PDB file of N, CA and C in Angstrom:
ATOM      1  N   UNK A   1       0.266  12.781  13.384  1.00  0.00           N
ATOM      2  CA  UNK A   1      -0.822  13.189  12.534  1.00  0.00           C
ATOM      3  C   UNK A   1      -1.854  12.060  12.494  1.00  0.00           C
ATOM      4  N   UNK A   2      -3.114  12.404  12.443  1.00  0.00           N
ATOM      5  CA  UNK A   2      -4.176  11.418  12.311  1.00  0.00           C
ATOM      6  C   UNK A   2      -4.964  11.721  11.043  1.00  0.00           C
ATOM      7  N   UNK A   3      -5.116  10.703  10.195  1.00  0.00           N
ATOM      8  CA  UNK A   3      -5.927  10.816   8.984  1.00  0.00           C
ATOM      9  C   UNK A   3      -7.045   9.803   9.136  1.00  0.00           C
ATOM     10  N   UNK A   4      -8.294  10.253   9.121  1.00  0.00           N
ATOM     11  CA  UNK A   4      -9.403   9.356   9.403  1.00  0.00           C
ATOM     12  C   UNK A   4      -9.245   8.831  10.816  1.00  0.00           C
ATOM     13  N   UNK A   5      -9.237   7.525  10.975  1.00  0.00           N
ATOM     14  CA  UNK A   5      -9.050   6.901  12.281  1.00  0.00           C
ATOM     15  C   UNK A   5      -7.615   6.401  12.475  1.00  0.00           C
ATOM     16  N   UNK A   6      -6.736   6.705  11.525  1.00  0.00           N
ATOM     17  CA  UNK A   6      -5.395   6.126  11.522  1.00  0.00           C
ATOM     18  C   UNK A   6      -4.359   7.144  11.992  1.00  0.00           C
ATOM     19  N   UNK A   7      -3.632   6.771  13.022  1.00  0.00           N
ATOM     20  CA  UNK A   7      -2.527   7.586  13.530  1.00  0.00           C
ATOM     21  C   UNK A   7      -1.299   7.309  12.668  1.00  0.00           C
ATOM     22  N   UNK A   8      -0.646   8.355  12.192  1.00  0.00           N
ATOM     23  CA  UNK A   8       0.528   8.203  11.353  1.00  0.00           C
ATOM     24  C   UNK A   8       1.678   9.006  11.926  1.00  0.00           C
ATOM     25  N   UNK A   9       2.838   8.415  11.896  1.00  0.00           N
ATOM     26  CA  UNK A   9       4.048   9.080  12.359  1.00  0.00           C
ATOM     27  C   UNK A   9       5.077   9.020  11.245  1.00  0.00           C
ATOM     28  N   UNK A  10       5.377  10.158  10.652  1.00  0.00           N
ATOM     29  CA  UNK A  10       6.361  10.201   9.582  1.00  0.00           C
ATOM     30  C   UNK A  10       7.751  10.116  10.191  1.00  0.00           C
ATOM     31  N   UNK A  11       8.473   9.058   9.846  1.00  0.00           N
ATOM     32  CA  UNK A  11       9.823   8.840  10.345  1.00  0.00           C
ATOM     33  C   UNK A  11      10.804   9.668   9.525  1.00  0.00           C
ATOM     34  N   UNK A  12      10.684   9.618   8.240  1.00  0.00           N
ATOM     35  CA  UNK A  12      11.399  10.504   7.328  1.00  0.00           C
ATOM     36  C   UNK A  12      10.521  10.648   6.093  1.00  0.00           C
ATOM     37  N   UNK A  13      11.007  11.329   5.078  1.00  0.00           N
ATOM     38  CA  UNK A  13      10.150  11.581   3.917  1.00  0.00           C
ATOM     39  C   UNK A  13       9.734  10.315   3.177  1.00  0.00           C
ATOM     40  N   UNK A  14      10.477   9.230   3.323  1.00  0.00           N
ATOM     41  CA  UNK A  14      10.174   8.025   2.561  1.00  0.00           C
ATOM     42  C   UNK A  14       9.575   6.902   3.396  1.00  0.00           C
ATOM     43  N   UNK A  15       9.313   7.124   4.681  1.00  0.00           N
ATOM     44  CA  UNK A  15       8.800   6.059   5.550  1.00  0.00           C
ATOM     45  C   UNK A  15       7.838   6.632   6.574  1.00  0.00           C
ATOM     46  N   UNK A  16       6.650   6.037   6.664  1.00  0.00           N
ATOM     47  CA  UNK A  16       5.650   6.455   7.643  1.00  0.00           C
ATOM     48  C   UNK A  16       5.164   5.235   8.408  1.00  0.00           C
ATOM     49  N   UNK A  17       5.206   5.326   9.727  1.00  0.00           N
ATOM     50  CA  UNK A  17       4.658   4.289  10.605  1.00  0.00           C
ATOM     51  C   UNK A  17       3.174   4.570  10.757  1.00  0.00           C
ATOM     52  N   UNK A  18       2.326   3.567  10.474  1.00  0.00           N
ATOM     53  CA  UNK A  18       0.883   3.743  10.522  1.00  0.00           C
ATOM     54  C   UNK A  18       0.299   2.871  11.623  1.00  0.00           C
ATOM     55  N   UNK A  19      -0.950   3.108  11.931  1.00  0.00           N
ATOM     56  CA  UNK A  19      -1.664   2.201  12.815  1.00  0.00           C
ATOM     57  C   UNK A  19      -1.801   0.851  12.129  1.00  0.00           C
ATOM     58  N   UNK A  20      -2.088  -0.171  12.891  1.00  0.00           N
ATOM     59  CA  UNK A  20      -2.188  -1.511  12.316  1.00  0.00           C
ATOM     60  C   UNK A  20      -3.380  -1.628  11.372  1.00  0.00           C
ATOM     61  N   UNK A  21      -3.133  -2.183  10.220  1.00  0.00           N
ATOM     62  CA  UNK A  21      -4.162  -2.546   9.270  1.00  0.00           C
ATOM     63  C   UNK A  21      -3.733  -3.891   8.692  1.00  0.00           C
ATOM     64  N   UNK A  22      -4.591  -4.510   7.923  1.00  0.00           N
ATOM     65  CA  UNK A  22      -4.296  -5.825   7.380  1.00  0.00           C
ATOM     66  C   UNK A  22      -4.640  -5.868   5.905  1.00  0.00           C
ATOM     67  N   UNK A  23      -3.830  -6.581   5.140  1.00  0.00           N
ATOM     68  CA  UNK A  23      -4.102  -6.760   3.720  1.00  0.00           C
ATOM     69  C   UNK A  23      -5.414  -7.519   3.572  1.00  0.00           C
ATOM     70  N   UNK A  24      -6.341  -7.008   2.764  1.00  0.00           N
ATOM     71  CA  UNK A  24      -7.623  -7.696   2.584  1.00  0.00           C
ATOM     72  C   UNK A  24      -7.494  -9.007   1.797  1.00  0.00           C
ATOM     73  N   UNK A  25      -6.345  -9.243   1.171  1.00  0.00           N
ATOM     74  CA  UNK A  25      -6.158 -10.474   0.394  1.00  0.00           C
ATOM     75  C   UNK A  25      -5.505 -11.588   1.208  1.00  0.00           C
ATOM     76  N   UNK A  26      -4.442 -11.249   1.965  1.00  0.00           N
ATOM     77  CA  UNK A  26      -3.697 -12.297   2.681  1.00  0.00           C
ATOM     78  C   UNK A  26      -3.753 -12.144   4.197  1.00  0.00           C
ATOM     79  N   UNK A  27      -4.345 -11.048   4.668  1.00  0.00           N
ATOM     80  CA  UNK A  27      -4.509 -10.763   6.093  1.00  0.00           C
ATOM     81  C   UNK A  27      -3.184 -10.502   6.820  1.00  0.00           C
ATOM     82  N   UNK A  28      -2.133 -10.177   6.078  1.00  0.00           N
ATOM     83  CA  UNK A  28      -0.847  -9.833   6.688  1.00  0.00           C
ATOM     84  C   UNK A  28      -0.933  -8.417   7.247  1.00  0.00           C
ATOM     85  N   UNK A  29      -0.372  -8.225   8.444  1.00  0.00           N
ATOM     86  CA  UNK A  29      -0.364  -6.908   9.080  1.00  0.00           C
ATOM     87  C   UNK A  29       0.418  -5.918   8.210  1.00  0.00           C
ATOM     88  N   UNK A  30      -0.191  -4.761   7.972  1.00  0.00           N
ATOM     89  CA  UNK A  30       0.444  -3.672   7.217  1.00  0.00           C
ATOM     90  C   UNK A  30       0.485  -2.466   8.147  1.00  0.00           C
ATOM     91  N   UNK A  31       1.651  -2.121   8.628  1.00  0.00           N
ATOM     92  CA  UNK A  31       1.744  -1.047   9.624  1.00  0.00           C
ATOM     93  C   UNK A  31       2.690   0.079   9.229  1.00  0.00           C
ATOM     94  N   UNK A  32       3.098   0.111   7.961  1.00  0.00           N
ATOM     95  CA  UNK A  32       3.971   1.196   7.520  1.00  0.00           C
ATOM     96  C   UNK A  32       3.798   1.426   6.028  1.00  0.00           C
ATOM     97  N   UNK A  33       4.256   2.574   5.584  1.00  0.00           N
ATOM     98  CA  UNK A  33       4.199   2.924   4.171  1.00  0.00           C
ATOM     99  C   UNK A  33       5.541   3.514   3.762  1.00  0.00           C
ATOM    100  N   UNK A  34       5.961   3.185   2.574  1.00  0.00           N
ATOM    101  CA  UNK A  34       7.152   3.788   2.000  1.00  0.00           C
ATOM    102  C   UNK A  34       6.770   4.394   0.662  1.00  0.00           C
ATOM    103  N   UNK A  35       7.579   5.297   0.186  1.00  0.00           N
ATOM    104  CA  UNK A  35       7.279   5.971  -1.072  1.00  0.00           C
ATOM    105  C   UNK A  35       8.373   5.705  -2.097  1.00  0.00           C
ATOM    106  N   UNK A  36       7.959   5.490  -3.325  1.00  0.00           N
ATOM    107  CA  UNK A  36       8.924   5.372  -4.412  1.00  0.00           C
ATOM    108  C   UNK A  36       9.520   6.748  -4.681  1.00  0.00           C
ATOM    109  N   UNK A  37       8.670   7.748  -4.606  1.00  0.00           N
ATOM    110  CA  UNK A  37       9.118   9.131  -4.755  1.00  0.00           C
ATOM    111  C   UNK A  37       8.198  10.022  -3.943  1.00  0.00           C
ATOM    112  N   UNK A  38       8.685  11.164  -3.555  1.00  0.00           N
ATOM    113  CA  UNK A  38       7.886  12.090  -2.755  1.00  0.00           C
ATOM    114  C   UNK A  38       7.746  11.627  -1.321  1.00  0.00           C
ATOM    115  N   UNK A  39       6.730  12.138  -0.653  1.00  0.00           N
ATOM    116  CA  UNK A  39       6.513  11.817   0.758  1.00  0.00           C
ATOM    117  C   UNK A  39       5.757  10.505   0.919  1.00  0.00           C
ATOM    118  N   UNK A  40       6.016   9.822   2.031  1.00  0.00           N
ATOM    119  CA  UNK A  40       5.404   8.513   2.267  1.00  0.00           C
ATOM    120  C   UNK A  40       4.120   8.584   3.070  1.00  0.00           C
ATOM    121  N   UNK A  41       3.660   9.759   3.424  1.00  0.00           N
ATOM    122  CA  UNK A  41       2.421   9.852   4.195  1.00  0.00           C
ATOM    123  C   UNK A  41       1.241   9.691   3.255  1.00  0.00           C
ATOM    124  N   UNK A  42       0.571   8.528   3.314  1.00  0.00           N
ATOM    125  CA  UNK A  42      -0.533   8.285   2.378  1.00  0.00           C
ATOM    126  C   UNK A  42      -1.769   9.110   2.710  1.00  0.00           C
ATOM    127  N   UNK A  43      -2.573   9.329   1.699  1.00  0.00           N
ATOM    128  CA  UNK A  43      -3.857  10.019   1.830  1.00  0.00           C
ATOM    129  C   UNK A  43      -4.905   9.159   1.120  1.00  0.00           C
ATOM    130  N   UNK A  44      -6.191   9.369   1.413  1.00  0.00           N
ATOM    131  CA  UNK A  44      -7.220   8.591   0.729  1.00  0.00           C
ATOM    132  C   UNK A  44      -7.045   8.632  -0.790  1.00  0.00           C
ATOM    133  N   UNK A  45      -7.173   7.457  -1.405  1.00  0.00           N
ATOM    134  CA  UNK A  45      -7.026   7.353  -2.853  1.00  0.00           C
ATOM    135  C   UNK A  45      -5.635   6.946  -3.294  1.00  0.00           C
ATOM    136  N   UNK A  46      -4.646   7.023  -2.398  1.00  0.00           N
ATOM    137  CA  UNK A  46      -3.294   6.592  -2.763  1.00  0.00           C
ATOM    138  C   UNK A  46      -3.293   5.087  -2.995  1.00  0.00           C
ATOM    139  N   UNK A  47      -2.414   4.649  -3.878  1.00  0.00           N
ATOM    140  CA  UNK A  47      -2.317   3.230  -4.178  1.00  0.00           C
ATOM    141  C   UNK A  47      -1.114   2.630  -3.464  1.00  0.00           C
ATOM    142  N   UNK A  48      -1.190   1.327  -3.264  1.00  0.00           N
ATOM    143  CA  UNK A  48      -0.133   0.607  -2.573  1.00  0.00           C
ATOM    144  C   UNK A  48      -0.110  -0.822  -3.081  1.00  0.00           C
ATOM    145  N   UNK A  49       0.841  -1.586  -2.589  1.00  0.00           N
ATOM    146  CA  UNK A  49       0.915  -3.003  -2.902  1.00  0.00           C
ATOM    147  C   UNK A  49       1.332  -3.728  -1.624  1.00  0.00           C
ATOM    148  N   UNK A  50       0.717  -4.863  -1.356  1.00  0.00           N
ATOM    149  CA  UNK A  50       1.051  -5.635  -0.162  1.00  0.00           C
ATOM    150  C   UNK A  50       2.440  -6.225  -0.328  1.00  0.00           C
ATOM    151  N   UNK A  51       3.309  -5.983   0.630  1.00  0.00           N
ATOM    152  CA  UNK A  51       4.683  -6.462   0.593  1.00  0.00           C
ATOM    153  C   UNK A  51       4.747  -7.978   0.784  1.00  0.00           C
ATOM    154  N   UNK A  52       3.659  -8.574   1.263  1.00  0.00           N
ATOM    155  CA  UNK A  52       3.624 -10.016   1.489  1.00  0.00           C
ATOM    156  C   UNK A  52       3.125 -10.773   0.253  1.00  0.00           C
ATOM    157  N   UNK A  53       1.931 -10.413  -0.232  1.00  0.00           N
ATOM    158  CA  UNK A  53       1.320 -11.193  -1.308  1.00  0.00           C
ATOM    159  C   UNK A  53       1.315 -10.491  -2.661  1.00  0.00           C
ATOM    160  N   UNK A  54       1.577  -9.191  -2.687  1.00  0.00           N
ATOM    161  CA  UNK A  54       1.602  -8.462  -3.952  1.00  0.00           C
ATOM    162  C   UNK A  54       0.261  -7.924  -4.409  1.00  0.00           C
ATOM    163  N   UNK A  55      -0.781  -8.056  -3.575  1.00  0.00           N
ATOM    164  CA  UNK A  55      -2.104  -7.532  -3.936  1.00  0.00           C
ATOM    165  C   UNK A  55      -2.032  -6.021  -4.128  1.00  0.00           C
ATOM    166  N   UNK A  56      -2.708  -5.525  -5.163  1.00  0.00           N
ATOM    167  CA  UNK A  56      -2.783  -4.086  -5.396  1.00  0.00           C
ATOM    168  C   UNK A  56      -3.849  -3.516  -4.482  1.00  0.00           C
ATOM    169  N   UNK A  57      -3.496  -2.465  -3.757  1.00  0.00           N
ATOM    170  CA  UNK A  57      -4.350  -1.895  -2.717  1.00  0.00           C
ATOM    171  C   UNK A  57      -4.566  -0.411  -2.943  1.00  0.00           C
ATOM    172  N   UNK A  58      -5.571   0.111  -2.259  1.00  0.00           N
ATOM    173  CA  UNK A  58      -5.846   1.544  -2.256  1.00  0.00           C
ATOM    174  C   UNK A  58      -6.250   1.934  -0.842  1.00  0.00           C
ATOM    175  N   UNK A  59      -5.894   3.146  -0.437  1.00  0.00           N
ATOM    176  CA  UNK A  59      -6.336   3.676   0.851  1.00  0.00           C
ATOM    177  C   UNK A  59      -7.725   4.267   0.673  1.00  0.00           C
ATOM    178  N   UNK A  60      -8.680   3.758   1.448  1.00  0.00           N
ATOM    179  CA  UNK A  60     -10.064   4.243   1.375  1.00  0.00           C
ATOM    180  C   UNK A  60     -10.174   5.611   2.057  1.00  0.00           C
ATOM    181  N   UNK A  61     -11.365   6.184   2.026  1.00  0.00           N
ATOM    182  CA  UNK A  61     -11.586   7.497   2.658  1.00  0.00           C
ATOM    183  C   UNK A  61     -11.272   7.487   4.143  1.00  0.00           C
ATOM    184  N   UNK A  62     -11.475   6.342   4.814  1.00  0.00           N
ATOM    185  CA  UNK A  62     -11.149   6.269   6.246  1.00  0.00           C
ATOM    186  C   UNK A  62      -9.758   5.662   6.474  1.00  0.00           C
ATOM    187  N   UNK A  63      -8.964   5.592   5.395  1.00  0.00           N
ATOM    188  CA  UNK A  63      -7.565   5.143   5.423  1.00  0.00           C
ATOM    189  C   UNK A  63      -7.407   3.651   5.680  1.00  0.00           C
ATOM    190  N   UNK A  64      -8.453   2.881   5.469  1.00  0.00           N
ATOM    191  CA  UNK A  64      -8.323   1.429   5.522  1.00  0.00           C
ATOM    192  C   UNK A  64      -7.765   0.949   4.185  1.00  0.00           C
ATOM    193  N   UNK A  65      -6.999  -0.129   4.213  1.00  0.00           N
ATOM    194  CA  UNK A  65      -6.516  -0.719   2.973  1.00  0.00           C
ATOM    195  C   UNK A  65      -7.615  -1.580   2.375  1.00  0.00           C
ATOM    196  N   UNK A  66      -7.911  -1.332   1.101  1.00  0.00           N
ATOM    197  CA  UNK A  66      -8.913  -2.119   0.381  1.00  0.00           C
ATOM    198  C   UNK A  66      -8.269  -2.644  -0.893  1.00  0.00           C
ATOM    199  N   UNK A  67      -8.823  -3.741  -1.425  1.00  0.00           N
ATOM    200  CA  UNK A  67      -8.356  -4.203  -2.732  1.00  0.00           C
ATOM    201  C   UNK A  67      -8.618  -3.081  -3.729  1.00  0.00           C
ATOM    202  N   UNK A  68      -7.662  -2.872  -4.616  1.00  0.00           N
ATOM    203  CA  UNK A  68      -7.799  -1.784  -5.573  1.00  0.00           C
ATOM    204  C   UNK A  68      -9.042  -2.004  -6.434  1.00  0.00           C
ATOM    205  N   UNK A  69      -9.957  -1.029  -6.434  1.00  0.00           N
ATOM    206  CA  UNK A  69     -11.157  -1.152  -7.271  1.00  0.00           C
ATOM    207  C   UNK A  69     -10.793  -1.211  -8.758  1.00  0.00           C
ATOM    208  N   UNK A  70     -11.590  -1.906  -9.514  1.00  0.00           N
ATOM    209  CA  UNK A  70     -11.347  -2.039 -10.955  1.00  0.00           C
ATOM    210  C   UNK A  70     -11.276  -0.674 -11.634  1.00  0.00           C
ATOM    211  N   UNK A  71     -12.077   0.284 -11.185  1.00  0.00           N
ATOM    212  CA  UNK A  71     -12.052   1.635 -11.765  1.00  0.00           C
ATOM    213  C   UNK A  71     -10.669   2.265 -11.595  1.00  0.00           C
ATOM    214  N   UNK A  72     -10.094   2.151 -10.399  1.00  0.00           N
ATOM    215  CA  UNK A  72      -8.760   2.689 -10.155  1.00  0.00           C
ATOM    216  C   UNK A  72      -7.738   1.966 -11.026  1.00  0.00           C
ATOM    217  N   UNK A  73      -7.854   0.647 -11.070  1.00  0.00           N
ATOM    218  CA  UNK A  73      -6.919  -0.173 -11.860  1.00  0.00           C
ATOM    219  C   UNK A  73      -6.938   0.250 -13.327  1.00  0.00           C
ATOM    220  N   UNK A  74      -8.130   0.503 -13.860  1.00  0.00           N
ATOM    221  CA  UNK A  74      -8.249   0.870 -15.276  1.00  0.00           C
ATOM    222  C   UNK A  74      -7.727   2.277 -15.557  1.00  0.00           C
ATOM    223  N   UNK A  75      -7.612   3.095 -14.520  1.00  0.00           N
ATOM    224  CA  UNK A  75      -7.148   4.477 -14.695  1.00  0.00           C
ATOM    225  C   UNK A  75      -5.658   4.664 -14.389  1.00  0.00           C
ATOM    226  N   UNK A  76      -4.953   3.576 -14.038  1.00  0.00           N
ATOM    227  CA  UNK A  76      -3.526   3.695 -13.750  1.00  0.00           C
ATOM    228  C   UNK A  76      -2.754   4.124 -14.993  1.00  0.00           C
ATOM    229  N   UNK A  77      -1.725   4.926 -14.772  1.00  0.00           N
ATOM    230  CA  UNK A  77      -0.840   5.246 -15.886  1.00  0.00           C
ATOM    231  C   UNK A  77      -0.064   3.985 -16.259  1.00  0.00           C
ATOM    232  N   UNK A  78       0.469   3.954 -17.445  1.00  0.00           N
ATOM    233  CA  UNK A  78       1.270   2.813 -17.884  1.00  0.00           C
ATOM    234  C   UNK A  78       2.445   2.600 -16.922  1.00  0.00           C
ATOM    235  N   UNK A  79       3.079   3.686 -16.522  1.00  0.00           N
ATOM    236  CA  UNK A  79       4.221   3.600 -15.607  1.00  0.00           C
ATOM    237  C   UNK A  79       3.819   2.984 -14.266  1.00  0.00           C
ATOM    238  N   UNK A  80       2.708   3.441 -13.673  1.00  0.00           N
ATOM    239  CA  UNK A  80       2.266   2.881 -12.391  1.00  0.00           C
ATOM    240  C   UNK A  80       1.851   1.420 -12.532  1.00  0.00           C
ATOM    241  N   UNK A  81       1.207   1.080 -13.642  1.00  0.00           N
ATOM    242  CA  UNK A  81       0.823  -0.306 -13.879  1.00  0.00           C
ATOM    243  C   UNK A  81       2.072  -1.186 -13.939  1.00  0.00           C
ATOM    244  N   UNK A  82       3.096  -0.729 -14.622  1.00  0.00           N
ATOM    245  CA  UNK A  82       4.343  -1.497 -14.725  1.00  0.00           C
ATOM    246  C   UNK A  82       5.038  -1.618 -13.374  1.00  0.00           C
ATOM    247  N   UNK A  83       5.054  -0.537 -12.586  1.00  0.00           N
ATOM    248  CA  UNK A  83       5.676  -0.585 -11.259  1.00  0.00           C
ATOM    249  C   UNK A  83       4.974  -1.598 -10.355  1.00  0.00           C
ATOM    250  N   UNK A  84       3.642  -1.550 -10.330  1.00  0.00           N
ATOM    251  CA  UNK A  84       2.881  -2.484  -9.503  1.00  0.00           C
ATOM    252  C   UNK A  84       3.043  -3.921  -9.999  1.00  0.00           C
ATOM    253  N   UNK A  85       3.026  -4.106 -11.306  1.00  0.00           N
ATOM    254  CA  UNK A  85       3.200  -5.441 -11.871  1.00  0.00           C
ATOM    255  C   UNK A  85       4.566  -6.013 -11.514  1.00  0.00           C
ATOM    256  N   UNK A  86       5.610  -5.201 -11.628  1.00  0.00           N
ATOM    257  CA  UNK A  86       6.961  -5.647 -11.278  1.00  0.00           C
ATOM    258  C   UNK A  86       7.058  -6.002  -9.798  1.00  0.00           C
ATOM    259  N   UNK A  87       6.475  -5.154  -8.946  1.00  0.00           N
ATOM    260  CA  UNK A  87       6.506  -5.422  -7.503  1.00  0.00           C
ATOM    261  C   UNK A  87       5.779  -6.729  -7.190  1.00  0.00           C
ATOM    262  N   UNK A  88       4.595  -6.904  -7.750  1.00  0.00           N
ATOM    263  CA  UNK A  88       3.827  -8.121  -7.510  1.00  0.00           C
ATOM    264  C   UNK A  88       4.593  -9.349  -7.987  1.00  0.00           C
ATOM    265  N   UNK A  89       5.190  -9.270  -9.165  1.00  0.00           N
ATOM    266  CA  UNK A  89       5.976 -10.389  -9.694  1.00  0.00           C
ATOM    267  C   UNK A  89       7.086 -10.763  -8.717  1.00  0.00           C
ATOM    268  N   UNK A  90       7.815  -9.769  -8.225  1.00  0.00           N
ATOM    269  CA  UNK A  90       8.934 -10.036  -7.320  1.00  0.00           C
ATOM    270  C   UNK A  90       8.481 -10.552  -5.962  1.00  0.00           C
ATOM    271  N   UNK A  91       7.380 -10.023  -5.425  1.00  0.00           N
ATOM    272  CA  UNK A  91       6.879 -10.503  -4.139  1.00  0.00           C
ATOM    273  C   UNK A  91       6.402 -11.956  -4.264  1.00  0.00           C
ATOM    274  N   UNK A  92       5.738 -12.286  -5.370  1.00  0.00           N
ATOM    275  CA  UNK A  92       5.269 -13.662  -5.558  1.00  0.00           C
ATOM    276  C   UNK A  92       6.435 -14.614  -5.815  1.00  0.00           C
ATOM    277  N   UNK A  93       7.439 -14.137  -6.523  1.00  0.00           N
ATOM    278  CA  UNK A  93       8.637 -14.955  -6.770  1.00  0.00           C
ATOM    279  C   UNK A  93       9.353 -15.262  -5.451  1.00  0.00           C
ATOM    280  N   UNK A  94       9.416 -14.285  -4.566  1.00  0.00           N
ATOM    281  CA  UNK A  94      10.065 -14.436  -3.261  1.00  0.00           C
ATOM    282  C   UNK A  94       9.265 -15.345  -2.346  1.00  0.00           C
ATOM    283  N   UNK A  95       7.941 -15.292  -2.461  1.00  0.00           N
ATOM    284  CA  UNK A  95       7.077 -16.087  -1.596  1.00  0.00           C
ATOM    285  C   UNK A  95       6.675 -15.284  -0.358  1.00  0.00           C
ATOM    286  N   UNK A  96       5.706 -15.821   0.407  1.00  0.00           N
ATOM    287  CA  UNK A  96       5.218 -15.100   1.596  1.00  0.00           C
ATOM    288  C   UNK A  96       6.336 -14.823   2.605  1.00  0.00           C
ATOM    289  N   UNK A  97       6.197 -13.731   3.328  1.00  0.00           N
ATOM    290  CA  UNK A  97       7.152 -13.385   4.376  1.00  0.00           C
ATOM    291  C   UNK A  97       7.048 -14.377   5.533  1.00  0.00           C
ATOM    292  N   UNK A  98       8.152 -14.603   6.176  1.00  0.00           N
ATOM    293  CA  UNK A  98       8.167 -15.452   7.372  1.00  0.00           C
ATOM    294  C   UNK A  98       7.894 -14.560   8.577  1.00  0.00           C
ATOM    295  N   UNK A  99       7.170 -15.084   9.537  1.00  0.00           N
ATOM    296  CA  UNK A  99       6.904 -14.299  10.760  1.00  0.00           C
ATOM    297  C   UNK A  99       8.120 -14.260  11.660  1.00  0.00           C
TER     298      UNK A  99
END
């Protein structure tokens, strides 16, 4: 499947292999998506978090990863805010991934 300019291959319901993209905060390659619940195939507007640095991200209309806009951040549910905060805390506690 191709969304925007990004080729996506759903491996199973919780994991999707994507074309190469990079975190706008740490420049780490981001080439897959997983889902906490539901399907892992992202669509524009879906939120994510960088597994390397913990930056909160959003998929843009052309499926590029962008830093989460303040408007999106302010509209997060309490549950999603807590999930992202916990993930970021744990990724920062662990430190950057080794190549």
